[in-house]
């Protein structure tokens, strides 16, 4: 099986940082359009340093219809309540327990692997060869680890993490026509929960898994599109399970990313919302750990409005605008704090469009003021239905909550609509057989 450009980039970065602490490339929980001041569309790329084509427009003349709730963002309760999502069920393919066992490489070592991962919030003070600073968040002990130990002995069957969404990101593919290149990502989104009460707490974990080369980009898109014809319930769940297991079993765990977004582990009124990134490291003896890594497209917070960041951005304008940039090591953040939902990266001299493009590609810009409107879900784009109402207002029918930017029930042009158009564009392309030069020539037409 050949490695995708994304996998190669991930392996290269992990190798370079093996002697220290460990995004494998960019932020992008969600890649989107530039805000109003930009006046242009950002390319839908998957990873920093990887140039890819914009995937948003161009499908209007095609008859393909994409169902966002079955093909792009699965939050139906019949899926989330399925036994395949439960940590206390052996071989439950959607559970957080399964992700930990996949990353650890074996079941016996997964418990220690998980606790070593969580311990980093307490112990890590810097990451990467440039020692990007990290502020410890000791709340991980009393909030998660200690009650987990008390309630279930710290066993993975009682792991305090619950599935809240399964996400297909074909818009992160390398080619808009899906006639070659990497296919995008499958993502599992989990909410942390109180180990005693099982109520969701303000912390989400996303596991990002690149589609393996067992299918072409177009074949992965076709497989997801086929799910739309199945009714929610056993038939849909069985097909979804078969599809997602093909991904998790075919994609090497060394190419996966784990990202977190939380305020639960900080001290009230002292430590803000914060995002971190983790990747798998393997030592010389084959031992594995999920280690915190620098954030390749998020600057250190002290660089906000700095002349040095402005100067670098002006010199790298083309890469920022096409989404392929990587910050210099000394600029990369160890973690991304968000003091308020209105946070935006500021500048002394940058053109507004360039400032917006740079800000949107950062973790704290994406989940702060660059994309979050007054009426949107603050700090998160996906949150559990039962998270504290002080942050998110009243839950609706037990559904996973989505930011207004991601899904706008008023019918405005939201992010999921962009992803629908991106997927439809691929469905409307016909990939010709490979020419002698080794490339395919796409044509368009309704399917």
Protein backbone atom coordinates (compact mmCIF):
# COMPACT_ATOMS: atom_id res chain seq x y z
CA UNK A 1 0.00 0.00 0.00
CA UNK A 2 1.42 3.36 -1.03
CA UNK A 3 1.60 6.25 1.39
CA UNK A 4 -0.33 9.43 0.63
CA UNK A 5 1.46 12.80 0.65
CA UNK A 6 -0.29 13.46 3.98
CA UNK A 7 1.12 10.25 5.46
CA UNK A 8 4.60 11.03 4.22
CA UNK A 9 4.42 14.50 5.76
CA UNK A 10 3.27 13.01 9.05
CA UNK A 11 6.03 10.41 9.14
CA UNK A 12 8.67 13.00 8.28
CA UNK A 13 7.64 15.29 11.12
CA UNK A 14 7.38 12.49 13.65
CA UNK A 15 10.85 11.28 12.66
CA UNK A 16 12.32 14.76 12.97
CA UNK A 17 10.89 15.15 16.45
CA UNK A 18 11.63 11.67 17.75
CA UNK A 19 14.29 12.94 20.12
CA UNK A 20 11.95 15.47 21.72
CA UNK A 21 8.28 15.63 22.44
CA UNK A 22 6.63 15.19 19.30
CA UNK A 23 0.38 18.68 13.60
CA UNK A 24 1.89 16.45 12.02
CA UNK A 25 0.79 19.34 10.04
CA UNK A 26 -2.14 21.91 10.12
CA UNK A 27 -5.05 22.97 12.35
CA UNK A 28 -8.15 22.70 10.23
CA UNK A 29 -10.83 21.12 12.34
CA UNK A 30 -12.90 22.64 9.60
CA UNK A 31 -11.62 24.28 6.42
CA UNK A 32 -13.80 27.08 5.12
CA UNK A 33 -14.22 30.23 3.17
CA UNK A 34 -12.52 33.45 4.05
CA UNK A 35 -14.68 35.81 6.12
CA UNK A 36 -16.37 38.83 4.61
CA UNK A 37 -13.26 40.98 4.65
CA UNK A 38 -11.44 38.46 2.50
CA UNK A 39 -13.83 38.28 -0.42
CA UNK A 40 -12.40 34.97 -1.71
CA UNK A 41 -12.65 31.26 -1.16
CA UNK A 42 -9.89 29.38 0.63
CA UNK A 43 -8.78 26.08 -0.88
CA UNK A 44 -10.04 22.95 0.85
CA UNK A 45 -6.70 21.43 1.76
CA UNK A 46 -6.07 18.77 4.32
CA UNK A 47 -2.62 19.47 5.72
CA UNK A 48 -0.13 22.29 5.94
CA UNK A 49 2.51 22.06 3.26
CA UNK A 50 0.23 20.12 0.89
CA UNK A 51 -1.12 22.08 -2.06
CA UNK A 52 -4.56 20.99 -3.22
CA UNK A 53 -7.32 22.26 -5.41
CA UNK A 54 -10.33 24.17 -4.15
CA UNK A 55 -13.25 21.78 -3.92
CA UNK A 56 -16.21 24.02 -3.23
CA UNK A 57 -17.77 25.28 -6.45
CA UNK A 58 -18.49 23.84 -9.85
CA UNK A 59 -21.16 21.19 -9.26
CA UNK A 60 -24.25 23.32 -9.84
CA UNK A 61 -24.97 21.75 -13.23
CA UNK A 62 -24.81 18.20 -11.88
CA UNK A 63 -27.77 16.16 -10.65
CA UNK A 64 -25.90 14.61 -7.71
CA UNK A 65 -27.55 15.33 -4.36
CA UNK A 66 -25.56 14.87 -1.16
CA UNK A 67 -27.29 14.13 2.17
CA UNK A 68 -25.23 15.95 4.78
CA UNK A 69 -26.57 13.84 7.66
CA UNK A 70 -25.80 10.46 6.08
CA UNK A 71 -22.76 11.23 3.92
CA UNK A 72 -20.84 14.02 5.69
CA UNK A 73 -21.78 14.46 9.35
CA UNK A 74 -23.41 11.52 11.13
CA UNK A 75 -25.01 12.53 14.43
CA UNK A 76 -28.23 10.51 14.34
CA UNK A 77 -29.04 9.00 17.71
CA UNK A 78 -29.47 5.54 16.19
CA UNK A 79 -25.73 5.64 15.41
CA UNK A 80 -24.51 7.34 18.59
CA UNK A 81 -26.56 4.98 20.80
CA UNK A 82 -25.53 1.84 18.87
CA UNK A 83 -23.61 -0.75 20.89
CA UNK A 84 -20.74 -0.28 18.41
CA UNK A 85 -20.11 3.11 20.04
CA UNK A 86 -19.89 1.78 23.61
CA UNK A 87 -16.60 1.47 25.50
CA UNK A 88 -17.90 -1.43 27.59
CA UNK A 89 -18.47 -3.60 24.51
CA UNK A 90 -15.54 -5.58 23.12
CA UNK A 91 -14.64 -4.79 19.51
CA UNK A 92 -17.02 -1.81 19.31
CA UNK A 93 -15.58 -0.12 16.19
CA UNK A 94 -16.82 3.44 16.88
CA UNK A 95 -15.87 3.60 20.55
CA UNK A 96 -13.08 5.70 22.03
CA UNK A 97 -11.77 2.49 23.52
CA UNK A 98 -11.29 1.11 20.00
CA UNK A 99 -9.35 4.23 18.94
CA UNK A 100 -7.05 3.89 21.98
CA UNK A 101 -6.48 0.20 21.23
CA UNK A 102 -5.76 1.01 17.58
CA UNK A 103 -3.22 3.66 18.56
CA UNK A 104 -1.62 1.57 21.30
CA UNK A 105 -1.25 -1.38 18.93
CA UNK A 106 -2.64 -3.94 21.36
CA UNK A 107 -5.35 -4.26 23.97
CA UNK A 108 -3.08 -5.16 26.87
CA UNK A 109 -1.10 -1.95 26.67
CA UNK A 110 -3.96 0.39 25.79
CA UNK A 111 -4.89 1.25 29.39
CA UNK A 112 -1.39 2.46 30.29
CA UNK A 113 -1.16 4.17 26.90
CA UNK A 114 -4.34 6.16 27.63
CA UNK A 115 -3.27 7.26 31.09
CA UNK A 116 0.17 8.32 29.84
CA UNK A 117 -1.56 10.45 27.20
CA UNK A 118 -3.73 12.22 29.76
CA UNK A 119 -0.82 12.75 32.11
CA UNK A 120 0.75 15.13 29.58
CA UNK A 121 -1.70 17.88 30.56
CA UNK A 122 -0.05 17.79 33.97
CA UNK A 123 3.61 17.27 33.02
CA UNK A 124 4.38 18.79 29.61
CA UNK A 125 5.79 22.33 29.64
CA UNK A 126 7.18 22.53 26.08
CA UNK A 127 7.00 20.60 22.81
CA UNK A 128 9.07 20.26 19.66
CA UNK A 129 12.72 20.96 18.86
CA UNK A 130 12.08 24.69 19.34
CA UNK A 131 10.51 24.01 22.74
CA UNK A 132 7.21 25.75 22.14
CA UNK A 133 5.89 26.59 25.62
CA UNK A 134 2.90 24.79 27.10
CA UNK A 135 1.09 25.73 30.31
CA UNK A 136 0.24 22.65 32.42
CA UNK A 137 -3.43 22.08 33.19
CA UNK A 138 -3.45 20.05 36.43
CA UNK A 139 -7.23 19.72 36.39
CA UNK A 140 -6.77 16.54 34.35
CA UNK A 141 -6.25 14.70 37.64
CA UNK A 142 -9.33 15.64 39.68
CA UNK A 143 -11.59 16.08 36.62
CA UNK A 144 -10.78 12.91 34.64
CA UNK A 145 -8.07 10.57 35.90
CA UNK A 146 -8.89 10.28 39.60
CA UNK A 147 -12.66 9.76 39.22
CA UNK A 148 -12.00 7.34 36.33
CA UNK A 149 -9.77 5.30 38.62
CA UNK A 150 -12.36 5.48 41.39
CA UNK A 151 -15.31 4.48 39.23
CA UNK A 152 -13.83 1.69 37.09
CA UNK A 153 -10.19 1.23 38.08
CA UNK A 154 -9.10 3.20 35.03
CA UNK A 155 -10.10 0.39 32.69
CA UNK A 156 -10.94 1.28 29.10
CA UNK A 157 -14.41 -0.24 29.44
CA UNK A 158 -15.16 2.72 31.70
CA UNK A 159 -13.24 5.33 29.67
CA UNK A 160 -14.94 8.72 30.13
CA UNK A 161 -15.27 9.56 26.43
CA UNK A 162 -18.45 9.27 24.36
CA UNK A 163 -18.98 9.34 20.58
CA UNK A 164 -20.87 12.46 19.41
CA UNK A 165 -20.19 12.46 15.63
CA UNK A 166 -18.73 10.50 12.73
CA UNK A 167 -17.44 12.87 10.06
CA UNK A 168 -16.52 12.28 6.42
CA UNK A 169 -14.17 14.93 5.00
CA UNK A 170 -13.83 14.25 1.26
CA UNK A 171 -13.39 18.01 0.79
CA UNK A 172 -9.87 17.52 2.17
CA UNK A 173 -8.94 15.36 -0.83
CA UNK A 174 -5.96 16.38 -2.90
CA UNK A 175 -7.78 16.79 -6.21
CA UNK A 176 -11.15 18.43 -6.63
CA UNK A 177 -12.22 15.93 -9.32
CA UNK A 178 -11.17 12.96 -7.11
CA UNK A 179 -9.45 11.39 -10.10
CA UNK A 180 -6.26 10.83 -8.14
CA UNK A 181 -4.36 11.87 -5.04
CA UNK A 182 -5.29 11.51 -1.40
CA UNK A 183 -8.97 11.03 -0.55
CA UNK A 184 -9.46 13.12 2.59
CA UNK A 185 -10.18 11.93 6.11
CA UNK A 186 -12.56 10.01 8.33
CA UNK A 187 -12.98 11.68 11.73
CA UNK A 188 -14.47 10.47 14.99
CA UNK A 189 -15.52 13.17 17.45
CA UNK A 190 -15.87 12.32 21.15
CA UNK A 191 -16.95 14.28 24.20
CA UNK A 192 -15.25 13.77 27.54
CA UNK A 193 -17.68 12.87 30.31
CA UNK A 194 -17.74 12.98 34.08
CA UNK A 195 -16.56 9.46 35.06
CA UNK A 196 -19.05 9.36 37.95
CA UNK A 197 -22.21 10.91 36.44
CA UNK A 198 -21.52 10.28 32.73
CA UNK A 199 -22.59 13.87 31.93
CA UNK A 200 -20.59 15.55 29.17
CA UNK A 201 -17.98 18.07 30.24
CA UNK A 202 -16.56 20.90 28.07
CA UNK A 203 -13.89 18.87 26.28
CA UNK A 204 -13.97 17.32 22.82
CA UNK A 205 -11.48 14.93 21.22
CA UNK A 206 -11.23 14.40 17.50
CA UNK A 207 -9.38 11.47 15.91
CA UNK A 208 -8.43 12.20 12.30
CA UNK A 209 -7.73 9.21 10.07
CA UNK A 210 -6.59 9.59 6.43
CA UNK A 211 -8.35 7.37 3.94
CA UNK A 212 -6.06 4.48 2.96
CA UNK A 213 -5.12 3.61 -0.61
CA UNK A 214 -7.32 0.49 -0.55
CA UNK A 215 -9.73 2.57 -2.65
CA UNK A 216 -9.28 5.56 -4.90
CA UNK A 217 -10.52 8.96 -3.80
CA UNK A 218 -13.54 8.58 -6.08
CA UNK A 219 -14.30 5.10 -4.74
CA UNK A 220 -14.36 6.36 -1.14
CA UNK A 221 -16.75 9.14 -2.17
CA UNK A 222 -18.99 6.67 -4.01
CA UNK A 223 -19.04 4.38 -0.96
CA UNK A 224 -20.22 7.21 1.30
CA UNK A 225 -22.75 8.37 -1.29
CA UNK A 226 -24.26 4.87 -1.32
CA UNK A 227 -25.15 5.26 2.37
CA UNK A 228 -27.73 7.94 1.52
CA UNK A 229 -30.14 5.34 0.15
CA UNK A 230 -30.23 3.40 3.43
CA UNK A 231 -32.70 4.29 6.22
CA UNK A 232 -31.30 5.13 9.64
CA UNK A 233 -31.34 2.02 11.78
CA UNK A 234 -29.73 -1.42 11.49
CA UNK A 235 -29.26 -1.27 7.70
CA UNK A 236 -27.50 2.10 7.76
CA UNK A 237 -25.46 1.25 10.85
CA UNK A 238 -24.20 -2.03 9.41
CA UNK A 239 -23.09 -0.33 6.20
CA UNK A 240 -21.46 2.55 8.12
CA UNK A 241 -19.64 0.10 10.37
CA UNK A 242 -18.26 -1.85 7.41
CA UNK A 243 -17.08 1.35 5.74
CA UNK A 244 -15.46 2.91 8.80
CA UNK A 245 -13.75 -0.34 9.81
CA UNK A 246 -12.18 -0.57 6.36
CA UNK A 247 -10.66 2.84 7.03
CA UNK A 248 -9.44 2.22 10.58
CA UNK A 249 -7.95 -1.15 9.71
CA UNK A 250 -6.37 0.03 6.46
CA UNK A 251 -4.90 3.35 7.63
CA UNK A 252 -1.65 3.06 9.66
CA UNK A 253 -2.06 4.58 13.12
CA UNK A 254 1.21 6.45 12.65
CA UNK A 255 -0.57 8.75 10.18
CA UNK A 256 -3.44 9.59 12.54
CA UNK A 257 -3.85 12.83 14.49
CA UNK A 258 -5.63 13.44 17.76
CA UNK A 259 -6.78 16.96 18.59
CA UNK A 260 -8.39 18.24 21.76
CA UNK A 261 -10.42 21.32 22.61
CA UNK A 262 -11.30 21.96 26.26
CA UNK A 263 -11.71 24.22 29.23
CA UNK A 264 -12.60 21.37 31.60
CA UNK A 265 -8.98 20.79 32.62
CA UNK A 266 -8.13 24.41 33.38
CA UNK A 267 -8.70 26.24 36.62
CA UNK A 268 -11.97 28.25 36.61
CA UNK A 269 -11.44 31.90 35.65
CA UNK A 270 -7.69 31.26 35.29
CA UNK A 271 -6.91 29.00 32.32
CA UNK A 272 -8.86 29.61 29.09
CA UNK A 273 -10.17 27.25 26.45
CA UNK A 274 -7.23 25.51 24.82
CA UNK A 275 -6.51 23.18 21.92
CA UNK A 276 -3.69 20.66 21.65
CA UNK A 277 -2.48 18.18 19.04
CA UNK A 278 -1.03 14.70 19.44
CA UNK A 279 0.56 12.10 17.16
CA UNK A 280 1.84 8.59 17.60
CA UNK A 281 5.52 8.04 18.39
CA UNK A 282 7.28 4.69 18.36
CA UNK A 283 10.60 4.21 20.13
CA UNK A 284 13.52 1.97 19.13
CA UNK A 285 11.99 -0.95 21.04
CA UNK A 286 8.59 -0.66 19.40
CA UNK A 287 6.98 1.09 22.35
CA UNK A 288 4.22 3.55 21.47
CA UNK A 289 2.97 6.78 22.97
CA UNK A 290 0.55 9.47 21.94
CA UNK A 291 2.72 12.55 22.29
CA UNK A 292 1.87 16.23 22.12
CA UNK A 293 3.27 18.02 19.06
CA UNK A 294 3.75 21.64 17.92
CA UNK A 295 0.97 23.26 15.90
CA UNK A 296 2.26 23.84 12.39
CA UNK A 297 -0.15 26.62 11.37
CA UNK A 298 -0.94 28.23 14.74
CA UNK A 299 1.56 30.86 15.96
CA UNK A 300 2.57 31.25 19.57
CA UNK A 301 0.14 33.63 21.20
CA UNK A 302 2.84 36.18 22.01
CA UNK A 303 3.30 36.72 18.24
CA UNK A 304 -0.15 38.28 17.92
CA UNK A 305 0.23 41.71 16.30
CA UNK A 306 3.99 41.28 16.11
CA UNK A 307 6.17 42.74 13.36
CA UNK A 308 7.95 39.41 12.95
CA UNK A 309 4.75 37.48 12.18
CA UNK A 310 3.54 40.22 9.80
CA UNK A 311 6.86 40.18 7.97
CA UNK A 312 6.85 36.40 7.61
CA UNK A 313 3.24 36.44 6.38
CA UNK A 314 4.00 39.04 3.72
CA UNK A 315 6.91 36.94 2.46
CA UNK A 316 4.73 33.81 2.33
CA UNK A 317 1.50 35.33 1.05
CA UNK A 318 0.96 32.82 -1.77
CA UNK A 319 1.29 29.81 0.51
CA UNK A 320 -1.01 31.31 3.13
CA UNK A 321 -3.69 32.04 0.54
CA UNK A 322 -3.52 28.57 -1.03
CA UNK A 323 -3.45 26.86 2.36
CA UNK A 324 -0.09 25.12 1.97
CA UNK A 325 2.02 27.06 4.49
CA UNK A 326 3.91 25.76 7.52
CA UNK A 327 5.12 28.20 10.15
CA UNK A 328 8.82 28.29 11.04
CA UNK A 329 9.53 26.06 14.02
CA UNK A 330 10.23 28.99 16.30
CA UNK A 331 6.79 30.45 15.50
CA UNK A 332 4.74 27.27 16.10
CA UNK A 333 2.57 27.15 19.21
CA UNK A 334 2.75 24.32 21.72
CA UNK A 335 -0.96 24.78 22.45
CA UNK A 336 -3.60 27.23 21.26
CA UNK A 337 -5.44 29.19 23.96
CA UNK A 338 -8.70 31.06 23.29
CA UNK A 339 -9.44 33.61 25.97
CA UNK A 340 -12.77 34.61 24.41
CA UNK A 341 -15.01 33.47 21.57
CA UNK A 342 -14.33 36.76 19.77
CA UNK A 343 -10.56 36.18 19.57
CA UNK A 344 -9.04 37.05 16.19
CA UNK A 345 -5.40 37.29 15.19
CA UNK A 346 -4.52 40.94 14.71
CA UNK A 347 -1.87 42.68 12.64
CA UNK A 348 -0.07 45.97 12.33
CA UNK A 349 0.37 45.96 8.57
CA UNK A 350 -1.16 42.95 6.79
CA UNK A 351 -3.72 43.29 4.02
CA UNK A 352 -7.12 42.30 5.54
CA UNK A 353 -7.51 39.36 3.17
CA UNK A 354 -4.10 37.96 4.08
CA UNK A 355 -4.71 38.50 7.79
CA UNK A 356 -8.04 36.69 7.53
CA UNK A 357 -6.55 33.73 5.63
CA UNK A 358 -3.79 33.34 8.19
CA UNK A 359 -6.20 33.68 11.11
CA UNK A 360 -8.65 31.13 9.72
CA UNK A 361 -5.98 28.45 9.38
CA UNK A 362 -5.09 28.69 13.07
CA UNK A 363 -6.77 26.63 15.77
CA UNK A 364 -7.79 29.58 17.92
CA UNK A 365 -8.86 31.65 14.91
CA UNK A 366 -11.02 28.83 13.57
CA UNK A 367 -12.76 28.32 16.90
CA UNK A 368 -12.74 32.00 17.84
CA UNK A 369 -13.84 35.17 16.13
CA UNK A 370 -12.76 34.31 12.57
CA UNK A 371 -15.67 31.92 12.14
CA UNK A 372 -17.90 32.09 15.21
CA UNK A 373 -20.85 34.48 15.03
CA UNK A 374 -22.65 35.91 18.02
CA UNK A 375 -25.38 33.28 17.72
CA UNK A 376 -22.98 30.40 17.08
CA UNK A 377 -21.70 27.71 19.42
CA UNK A 378 -18.76 29.35 21.25
CA UNK A 379 -15.35 27.67 21.13
CA UNK A 380 -16.58 24.42 19.54
CA UNK A 381 -18.18 23.54 16.23
CA UNK A 382 -19.46 20.19 17.57
CA UNK A 383 -20.52 19.60 21.19
CA UNK A 384 -22.42 17.00 23.19
CA UNK A 385 -26.12 17.55 23.75
CA UNK A 386 -25.75 17.48 27.54
CA UNK A 387 -22.80 19.83 27.97
CA UNK A 388 -23.37 22.51 30.65
CA UNK A 389 -26.06 24.95 29.58
CA UNK A 390 -23.98 27.84 30.91
CA UNK A 391 -21.89 27.50 27.76
CA UNK A 392 -24.30 26.34 25.11
CA UNK A 393 -27.91 27.08 25.92
CA UNK A 394 -30.62 24.44 25.93
CA UNK A 395 -30.11 21.10 24.17
CA UNK A 396 -32.64 20.10 21.53
CA UNK A 397 -34.06 16.58 21.62
CA UNK A 398 -30.77 15.13 22.80
CA UNK A 399 -29.00 15.95 19.53
CA UNK A 400 -25.32 16.67 19.18
CA UNK A 401 -25.02 20.46 19.02
CA UNK A 402 -23.48 22.19 16.01
CA UNK A 403 -22.21 25.71 15.56
CA UNK A 404 -24.23 28.02 13.33
CA UNK A 405 -21.20 28.30 11.06
CA UNK A 406 -21.16 24.54 10.50
CA UNK A 407 -24.93 24.08 10.14
CA UNK A 408 -27.29 27.03 9.84
CA UNK A 409 -30.91 25.92 10.36
CA UNK A 410 -32.13 29.22 8.98
CA UNK A 411 -31.11 28.01 5.55
CA UNK A 412 -28.16 30.30 4.97
CA UNK A 413 -25.07 29.12 3.12
CA UNK A 414 -23.22 27.22 5.85
CA UNK A 415 -20.04 25.14 5.95
CA UNK A 416 -21.83 21.84 5.40
CA UNK A 417 -23.29 23.28 2.20
CA UNK A 418 -19.75 23.96 0.98
CA UNK A 419 -18.81 20.36 1.73
CA UNK A 420 -21.94 19.13 -0.07
CA UNK A 421 -20.92 21.06 -3.18
CA UNK A 422 -17.39 19.73 -2.93
CA UNK A 423 -18.59 16.12 -2.77
CA UNK A 424 -21.11 16.68 -5.56
CA UNK A 425 -18.35 18.06 -7.77
CA UNK A 426 -16.47 14.78 -7.40
CA UNK A 427 -19.63 12.74 -8.03
CA UNK A 428 -20.16 14.71 -11.22
CA UNK A 429 -16.67 14.02 -12.55
CA UNK A 430 -15.87 11.05 -14.75
CA UNK A 431 -12.29 9.89 -14.52
CA UNK A 432 -10.93 8.63 -17.82
CA UNK A 433 -8.53 5.67 -17.87
CA UNK A 434 -4.96 6.62 -17.14
CA UNK A 435 -3.07 7.99 -20.11
CA UNK A 436 0.42 6.69 -20.97
CA UNK A 437 1.88 9.57 -18.97
CA UNK A 438 0.30 8.22 -15.80
CA UNK A 439 -2.54 10.70 -15.27
CA UNK A 440 -6.31 10.71 -15.71
CA UNK A 441 -8.27 13.25 -17.67
CA UNK A 442 -11.53 14.21 -15.88
CA UNK A 443 -14.74 14.96 -17.69
CA UNK A 444 -17.97 16.17 -16.15
CA UNK A 445 -21.53 14.96 -16.26
CA UNK A 446 -24.42 13.96 -14.02
CA UNK A 447 -24.41 10.49 -12.53
